[in-house]
């Protein structure tokens, strides 16, 4: 009887899984910071992991390391989803450079690379603004 009560609640909702996958597929960075975009994606991935779990070997005798392979495939999928959602105007070059790496870095490493690029862009933009101000200041002195 206990098994009968458990079964209806253990079944993931197909519409919910569909919606989460749709949200991930259509997720774009827009003009938000990388950390906000990545956090949003991580939330979607977490919900998806809870609702649509990946099967794993439970026999303990598996020598093909299927669990490791499935985890690697899942992480590569997340890496691709993250890279696809990046703003093309700002990150197309770094995305191409990352995709050219063999093997593809972990999602954490990719996030760090892209975040460093974002930080560099903000730093350079700040310098550009300051240089313009300094030039205007020097013009006034002469």
N, C-alpha and C. Protein backbone atom coordinates (compact mmCIF):
# COMPACT_ATOMS: atom_id res chain seq x y z
N UNK A 1 0.82 -1.19 0.00
CA UNK A 1 0.00 0.00 0.00
C UNK A 1 0.86 1.25 0.00
N UNK A 2 1.93 1.24 0.74
CA UNK A 2 2.82 2.40 0.79
C UNK A 2 3.37 2.74 -0.59
N UNK A 3 3.71 1.71 -1.37
CA UNK A 3 4.21 1.89 -2.73
C UNK A 3 3.17 2.57 -3.60
N UNK A 4 1.88 2.23 -3.43
CA UNK A 4 0.81 2.83 -4.21
C UNK A 4 0.65 4.31 -3.92
N UNK A 5 0.85 4.71 -2.67
CA UNK A 5 0.75 6.12 -2.31
C UNK A 5 1.93 6.91 -2.87
N UNK A 6 3.08 6.29 -2.91
CA UNK A 6 4.30 6.97 -3.33
C UNK A 6 4.34 7.19 -4.84
N UNK A 7 3.82 6.26 -5.60
CA UNK A 7 3.92 6.28 -7.06
C UNK A 7 3.38 7.56 -7.71
N UNK A 8 2.17 8.04 -7.40
CA UNK A 8 1.66 9.24 -8.09
C UNK A 8 2.52 10.48 -7.84
N UNK A 9 3.15 10.56 -6.69
CA UNK A 9 3.94 11.75 -6.37
C UNK A 9 5.36 11.66 -6.92
N UNK A 10 5.79 10.47 -7.28
CA UNK A 10 7.14 10.28 -7.80
C UNK A 10 7.24 10.60 -9.28
N UNK A 11 6.11 10.66 -9.96
CA UNK A 11 6.10 10.91 -11.40
C UNK A 11 6.26 12.41 -11.65
N UNK A 12 7.27 12.73 -12.45
CA UNK A 12 7.51 14.14 -12.77
C UNK A 12 6.44 14.63 -13.74
N UNK A 13 6.13 15.87 -13.67
CA UNK A 13 5.13 16.47 -14.53
C UNK A 13 5.75 16.77 -15.90
N UNK A 14 5.24 16.11 -16.93
CA UNK A 14 5.75 16.32 -18.28
C UNK A 14 5.60 17.79 -18.72
N UNK A 15 4.44 18.43 -18.45
CA UNK A 15 4.34 19.85 -18.83
C UNK A 15 5.36 20.73 -18.11
N UNK A 16 5.63 20.42 -16.85
CA UNK A 16 6.62 21.21 -16.08
C UNK A 16 8.01 21.02 -16.66
N UNK A 17 8.38 19.79 -16.97
CA UNK A 17 9.68 19.51 -17.58
C UNK A 17 9.79 20.22 -18.92
N UNK A 18 8.72 20.16 -19.71
CA UNK A 18 8.70 20.85 -21.00
C UNK A 18 8.92 22.34 -20.82
N UNK A 19 8.22 22.94 -19.86
CA UNK A 19 8.34 24.38 -19.62
C UNK A 19 9.76 24.75 -19.20
N UNK A 20 10.35 23.95 -18.31
CA UNK A 20 11.72 24.23 -17.87
C UNK A 20 12.71 24.13 -19.04
N UNK A 21 12.56 23.09 -19.85
CA UNK A 21 13.45 22.94 -21.01
C UNK A 21 13.25 24.08 -22.00
N UNK A 22 12.02 24.52 -22.16
CA UNK A 22 11.73 25.65 -23.04
C UNK A 22 12.35 26.94 -22.49
N UNK A 23 12.25 27.14 -21.18
CA UNK A 23 12.84 28.31 -20.54
C UNK A 23 14.36 28.32 -20.71
N UNK A 24 14.99 27.16 -20.54
CA UNK A 24 16.45 27.06 -20.71
C UNK A 24 16.82 27.36 -22.16
N UNK A 25 16.08 26.76 -23.10
CA UNK A 25 16.40 26.93 -24.52
C UNK A 25 16.24 28.38 -24.99
N UNK A 26 15.30 29.10 -24.41
CA UNK A 26 15.06 30.48 -24.84
C UNK A 26 15.76 31.52 -23.97
N UNK A 27 16.50 31.08 -22.98
CA UNK A 27 17.13 31.99 -22.03
C UNK A 27 18.28 32.76 -22.69
N UNK A 28 18.19 34.06 -22.67
CA UNK A 28 19.22 34.94 -23.23
C UNK A 28 19.66 35.93 -22.15
N UNK A 29 20.92 36.27 -22.22
CA UNK A 29 21.50 37.17 -21.22
C UNK A 29 20.88 38.56 -21.27
N UNK A 30 20.68 39.07 -22.44
CA UNK A 30 20.20 40.45 -22.55
C UNK A 30 21.26 41.39 -22.00
N UNK A 31 20.85 42.33 -21.18
CA UNK A 31 21.77 43.33 -20.64
C UNK A 31 22.07 43.13 -19.15
N UNK A 32 21.78 41.94 -18.62
CA UNK A 32 22.09 41.69 -17.21
C UNK A 32 23.54 41.22 -17.09
N UNK A 33 24.08 41.33 -15.90
CA UNK A 33 25.44 40.87 -15.65
C UNK A 33 25.53 39.35 -15.78
N UNK A 34 26.71 38.86 -16.09
CA UNK A 34 26.95 37.44 -16.27
C UNK A 34 26.52 36.65 -15.04
N UNK A 35 26.84 37.13 -13.85
CA UNK A 35 26.50 36.38 -12.64
C UNK A 35 24.99 36.23 -12.49
N UNK A 36 24.22 37.24 -12.86
CA UNK A 36 22.76 37.16 -12.79
C UNK A 36 22.23 36.15 -13.81
N UNK A 37 22.75 36.21 -15.01
CA UNK A 37 22.34 35.29 -16.07
C UNK A 37 22.67 33.85 -15.68
N UNK A 38 23.89 33.62 -15.21
CA UNK A 38 24.33 32.29 -14.82
C UNK A 38 23.50 31.77 -13.64
N UNK A 39 23.22 32.61 -12.67
CA UNK A 39 22.42 32.21 -11.51
C UNK A 39 21.01 31.80 -11.93
N UNK A 40 20.44 32.55 -12.86
CA UNK A 40 19.11 32.22 -13.34
C UNK A 40 19.12 30.85 -14.03
N UNK A 41 20.12 30.63 -14.90
CA UNK A 41 20.25 29.33 -15.57
C UNK A 41 20.45 28.21 -14.56
N UNK A 42 21.28 28.44 -13.55
CA UNK A 42 21.52 27.42 -12.53
C UNK A 42 20.22 27.05 -11.81
N UNK A 43 19.39 28.02 -11.56
CA UNK A 43 18.09 27.76 -10.94
C UNK A 43 17.22 26.87 -11.82
N UNK A 44 17.19 27.18 -13.12
CA UNK A 44 16.43 26.36 -14.05
C UNK A 44 16.98 24.94 -14.11
N UNK A 45 18.32 24.83 -14.19
CA UNK A 45 18.95 23.50 -14.24
C UNK A 45 18.65 22.71 -12.98
N UNK A 46 18.67 23.37 -11.85
CA UNK A 46 18.40 22.69 -10.57
C UNK A 46 16.97 22.16 -10.54
N UNK A 47 16.01 22.99 -10.97
CA UNK A 47 14.62 22.55 -11.02
C UNK A 47 14.46 21.38 -11.99
N UNK A 48 15.14 21.47 -13.13
CA UNK A 48 15.08 20.41 -14.12
C UNK A 48 15.68 19.11 -13.57
N UNK A 49 16.79 19.22 -12.86
CA UNK A 49 17.40 18.03 -12.24
C UNK A 49 16.45 17.39 -11.23
N UNK A 50 15.71 18.21 -10.51
CA UNK A 50 14.76 17.68 -9.52
C UNK A 50 13.58 16.98 -10.19
N UNK A 51 13.14 17.53 -11.32
CA UNK A 51 11.94 17.00 -11.99
C UNK A 51 12.25 15.89 -13.00
N UNK A 52 13.40 15.94 -13.62
CA UNK A 52 13.74 14.98 -14.67
C UNK A 52 15.12 14.42 -14.42
N UNK A 53 15.21 13.49 -13.50
CA UNK A 53 16.52 12.96 -13.13
C UNK A 53 17.08 12.05 -14.22
N UNK A 54 18.40 12.06 -14.32
CA UNK A 54 19.11 11.23 -15.28
C UNK A 54 19.30 9.85 -14.65
N UNK A 55 18.98 8.78 -15.39
CA UNK A 55 19.18 7.45 -14.81
C UNK A 55 20.65 7.17 -14.54
N UNK A 56 20.90 6.45 -13.47
CA UNK A 56 22.27 6.10 -13.10
C UNK A 56 22.35 4.63 -12.75
N UNK A 57 23.52 4.07 -12.94
CA UNK A 57 23.78 2.68 -12.60
C UNK A 57 23.77 2.54 -11.08
N UNK A 58 23.05 1.56 -10.59
CA UNK A 58 22.96 1.36 -9.15
C UNK A 58 23.49 -0.01 -8.72
N UNK A 59 24.01 -0.77 -9.68
CA UNK A 59 24.45 -2.13 -9.35
C UNK A 59 25.78 -2.14 -8.61
N UNK A 60 26.57 -1.09 -8.77
CA UNK A 60 27.86 -1.03 -8.10
C UNK A 60 28.94 -1.85 -8.78
N UNK A 61 28.59 -2.58 -9.82
CA UNK A 61 29.55 -3.43 -10.54
C UNK A 61 29.91 -2.85 -11.90
N UNK A 62 29.35 -1.74 -12.22
CA UNK A 62 29.50 -1.15 -13.54
C UNK A 62 30.95 -0.74 -13.78
N UNK A 63 31.54 -1.30 -14.81
CA UNK A 63 32.93 -0.98 -15.14
C UNK A 63 33.05 0.01 -16.28
N UNK A 64 31.93 0.32 -16.92
CA UNK A 64 31.98 1.24 -18.06
C UNK A 64 31.92 2.70 -17.63
N UNK A 65 31.73 2.96 -16.35
CA UNK A 65 31.68 4.31 -15.79
C UNK A 65 30.58 5.16 -16.43
N UNK A 66 29.42 4.56 -16.62
CA UNK A 66 28.29 5.26 -17.24
C UNK A 66 27.87 6.49 -16.45
N UNK A 67 27.93 6.42 -15.12
CA UNK A 67 27.55 7.58 -14.30
C UNK A 67 28.42 8.78 -14.63
N UNK A 68 29.74 8.56 -14.73
CA UNK A 68 30.66 9.64 -15.05
C UNK A 68 30.38 10.21 -16.44
N UNK A 69 30.09 9.33 -17.39
CA UNK A 69 29.81 9.76 -18.76
C UNK A 69 28.53 10.58 -18.84
N UNK A 70 27.51 10.13 -18.12
CA UNK A 70 26.25 10.87 -18.12
C UNK A 70 26.41 12.24 -17.46
N UNK A 71 27.16 12.30 -16.37
CA UNK A 71 27.41 13.59 -15.71
C UNK A 71 28.18 14.53 -16.63
N UNK A 72 29.17 14.01 -17.33
CA UNK A 72 29.96 14.83 -18.25
C UNK A 72 29.08 15.35 -19.39
N UNK A 73 28.21 14.49 -19.92
CA UNK A 73 27.29 14.91 -20.98
C UNK A 73 26.36 16.01 -20.50
N UNK A 74 25.86 15.88 -19.28
CA UNK A 74 24.96 16.87 -18.70
C UNK A 74 25.68 18.21 -18.53
N UNK A 75 26.91 18.16 -18.04
CA UNK A 75 27.68 19.39 -17.84
C UNK A 75 28.01 20.05 -19.18
N UNK A 76 28.35 19.26 -20.19
CA UNK A 76 28.62 19.83 -21.51
C UNK A 76 27.37 20.49 -22.08
N UNK A 77 26.21 19.87 -21.85
CA UNK A 77 24.95 20.46 -22.30
C UNK A 77 24.72 21.81 -21.62
N UNK A 78 24.98 21.88 -20.32
CA UNK A 78 24.83 23.15 -19.60
C UNK A 78 25.81 24.19 -20.12
N UNK A 79 27.02 23.78 -20.40
CA UNK A 79 28.02 24.71 -20.94
C UNK A 79 27.55 25.28 -22.27
N UNK A 80 27.04 24.43 -23.14
CA UNK A 80 26.53 24.91 -24.43
C UNK A 80 25.34 25.84 -24.25
N UNK A 81 24.44 25.49 -23.34
CA UNK A 81 23.28 26.35 -23.09
C UNK A 81 23.70 27.72 -22.58
N UNK A 82 24.66 27.75 -21.67
CA UNK A 82 25.18 29.01 -21.15
C UNK A 82 25.80 29.84 -22.27
N UNK A 83 26.63 29.23 -23.08
CA UNK A 83 27.30 29.95 -24.17
C UNK A 83 26.29 30.43 -25.21
N UNK A 84 25.27 29.64 -25.49
CA UNK A 84 24.25 30.05 -26.47
C UNK A 84 23.46 31.26 -25.99
N UNK A 85 23.30 31.40 -24.69
CA UNK A 85 22.51 32.49 -24.15
C UNK A 85 23.25 33.80 -23.98
N UNK A 86 24.57 33.78 -24.17
CA UNK A 86 25.35 35.01 -24.00
C UNK A 86 25.01 36.05 -25.06
N UNK A 87 25.16 37.29 -24.69
CA UNK A 87 24.92 38.41 -25.60
C UNK A 87 25.93 38.36 -26.75
N UNK A 88 25.43 38.22 -27.97
CA UNK A 88 26.30 38.10 -29.15
C UNK A 88 27.18 39.32 -29.36
N UNK A 89 26.64 40.50 -29.06
CA UNK A 89 27.39 41.73 -29.29
C UNK A 89 28.67 41.79 -28.46
N UNK A 90 28.65 41.22 -27.27
CA UNK A 90 29.79 41.33 -26.37
C UNK A 90 30.63 40.06 -26.26
N UNK A 91 30.01 38.90 -26.46
CA UNK A 91 30.71 37.66 -26.11
C UNK A 91 30.90 36.67 -27.26
N UNK A 92 30.67 37.07 -28.49
CA UNK A 92 30.82 36.12 -29.60
C UNK A 92 32.27 35.66 -29.75
N UNK A 93 33.23 36.54 -29.54
CA UNK A 93 34.64 36.17 -29.70
C UNK A 93 35.08 35.20 -28.60
N UNK A 94 34.78 35.51 -27.35
CA UNK A 94 35.18 34.64 -26.25
C UNK A 94 34.45 33.31 -26.33
N UNK A 95 33.20 33.33 -26.80
CA UNK A 95 32.46 32.07 -26.98
C UNK A 95 33.16 31.19 -28.01
N UNK A 96 33.57 31.77 -29.13
CA UNK A 96 34.29 31.00 -30.16
C UNK A 96 35.60 30.44 -29.62
N UNK A 97 36.30 31.24 -28.83
CA UNK A 97 37.56 30.77 -28.26
C UNK A 97 37.34 29.60 -27.29
N UNK A 98 36.30 29.69 -26.49
CA UNK A 98 36.00 28.61 -25.54
C UNK A 98 35.61 27.34 -26.29
N UNK A 99 34.77 27.47 -27.31
CA UNK A 99 34.32 26.30 -28.06
C UNK A 99 35.46 25.63 -28.83
N UNK A 100 36.52 26.36 -29.08
CA UNK A 100 37.68 25.79 -29.79
C UNK A 100 38.58 24.98 -28.86
N UNK A 101 38.37 25.08 -27.55
CA UNK A 101 39.21 24.37 -26.60
C UNK A 101 38.88 22.88 -26.57
N UNK A 102 39.90 22.07 -26.48
CA UNK A 102 39.75 20.62 -26.36
C UNK A 102 40.49 20.14 -25.14
N UNK A 103 39.85 19.51 -24.23
CA UNK A 103 38.41 19.30 -24.14
C UNK A 103 37.70 20.59 -23.70
N UNK A 104 36.40 20.59 -23.89
CA UNK A 104 35.60 21.73 -23.47
C UNK A 104 35.74 21.89 -21.95
N UNK A 105 36.05 23.10 -21.47
CA UNK A 105 36.21 23.29 -20.02
C UNK A 105 34.90 23.04 -19.27
N UNK A 106 35.02 22.85 -17.97
CA UNK A 106 33.84 22.65 -17.13
C UNK A 106 32.99 23.93 -17.15
N UNK A 107 31.74 23.78 -16.77
CA UNK A 107 30.83 24.93 -16.72
C UNK A 107 31.36 26.00 -15.76
N UNK A 108 31.94 25.59 -14.65
CA UNK A 108 32.51 26.56 -13.71
C UNK A 108 33.65 27.34 -14.32
N UNK A 109 34.52 26.66 -15.04
CA UNK A 109 35.66 27.31 -15.70
C UNK A 109 35.16 28.27 -16.78
N UNK A 110 34.17 27.85 -17.55
CA UNK A 110 33.61 28.71 -18.60
C UNK A 110 32.99 29.95 -17.98
N UNK A 111 32.24 29.77 -16.90
CA UNK A 111 31.64 30.92 -16.20
C UNK A 111 32.73 31.89 -15.77
N UNK A 112 33.82 31.38 -15.19
CA UNK A 112 34.91 32.25 -14.73
C UNK A 112 35.57 32.99 -15.89
N UNK A 113 35.77 32.31 -17.01
CA UNK A 113 36.38 32.95 -18.19
C UNK A 113 35.49 34.09 -18.68
N UNK A 114 34.20 33.83 -18.79
CA UNK A 114 33.27 34.84 -19.30
C UNK A 114 33.14 35.99 -18.30
N UNK A 115 33.13 35.68 -17.02
CA UNK A 115 33.04 36.73 -16.02
C UNK A 115 34.29 37.62 -16.04
N UNK A 116 35.46 37.02 -16.25
CA UNK A 116 36.69 37.82 -16.38
C UNK A 116 36.60 38.73 -17.59
N UNK A 117 36.04 38.23 -18.68
CA UNK A 117 35.87 39.06 -19.89
C UNK A 117 34.93 40.22 -19.58
N UNK A 118 33.86 39.96 -18.86
CA UNK A 118 32.93 41.02 -18.48
C UNK A 118 33.64 42.06 -17.60
N UNK A 119 34.40 41.61 -16.61
CA UNK A 119 35.14 42.53 -15.74
C UNK A 119 36.12 43.37 -16.54
N UNK A 120 36.80 42.73 -17.49
CA UNK A 120 37.76 43.45 -18.34
C UNK A 120 37.04 44.53 -19.16
N UNK A 121 35.88 44.19 -19.71
CA UNK A 121 35.10 45.16 -20.49
C UNK A 121 34.70 46.36 -19.65
N UNK A 122 34.26 46.10 -18.41
CA UNK A 122 33.86 47.20 -17.53
C UNK A 122 35.05 48.06 -17.16
N UNK A 123 36.18 47.45 -16.92
CA UNK A 123 37.40 48.18 -16.60
C UNK A 123 37.81 49.06 -17.77
N UNK A 124 37.79 48.50 -18.98
CA UNK A 124 38.18 49.27 -20.16
C UNK A 124 37.19 50.39 -20.45
N UNK A 125 35.91 50.12 -20.23
CA UNK A 125 34.90 51.15 -20.45
C UNK A 125 35.12 52.29 -19.47
N UNK A 126 35.45 51.96 -18.22
CA UNK A 126 35.73 52.98 -17.20
C UNK A 126 36.94 53.80 -17.57
N UNK A 127 37.97 53.16 -18.11
CA UNK A 127 39.16 53.90 -18.55
C UNK A 127 38.84 54.82 -19.70
N UNK A 128 38.01 54.35 -20.63
CA UNK A 128 37.63 55.17 -21.77
C UNK A 128 36.89 56.42 -21.34
N UNK A 129 36.00 56.28 -20.37
CA UNK A 129 35.26 57.43 -19.85
C UNK A 129 36.21 58.41 -19.18
N UNK A 130 37.16 57.87 -18.40
CA UNK A 130 38.11 58.71 -17.69
C UNK A 130 39.04 59.43 -18.66
N UNK A 131 39.48 58.72 -19.71
CA UNK A 131 40.37 59.35 -20.69
C UNK A 131 39.69 60.51 -21.39
N UNK A 132 38.39 60.34 -21.69
CA UNK A 132 37.64 61.43 -22.32
C UNK A 132 37.53 62.63 -21.40
N UNK A 133 37.33 62.38 -20.13
CA UNK A 133 37.24 63.44 -19.14
C UNK A 133 38.57 64.16 -19.01
N UNK A 134 39.64 63.38 -18.97
CA UNK A 134 40.97 63.97 -18.84
C UNK A 134 41.29 64.82 -20.06
N UNK A 135 40.95 64.35 -21.24
CA UNK A 135 41.23 65.11 -22.46
C UNK A 135 40.46 66.43 -22.43
N UNK A 136 39.22 66.39 -22.00
CA UNK A 136 38.43 67.62 -21.90
C UNK A 136 39.04 68.56 -20.88
N UNK A 137 39.56 68.00 -19.80
CA UNK A 137 40.18 68.81 -18.78
C UNK A 137 41.43 69.48 -19.32
N UNK A 138 42.26 68.72 -20.05
CA UNK A 138 43.47 69.29 -20.60
C UNK A 138 43.18 70.38 -21.62
N UNK A 139 42.10 70.23 -22.37
CA UNK A 139 41.74 71.26 -23.35
C UNK A 139 41.40 72.55 -22.64
N UNK A 140 40.72 72.47 -21.52
CA UNK A 140 40.33 73.66 -20.77
C UNK A 140 41.56 74.38 -20.19
N UNK A 141 42.61 73.66 -19.83
CA UNK A 141 43.79 74.26 -19.21
C UNK A 141 44.55 75.08 -20.23
N UNK A 142 44.67 74.62 -21.47
CA UNK A 142 45.45 75.36 -22.49
C UNK A 142 44.74 76.58 -22.82
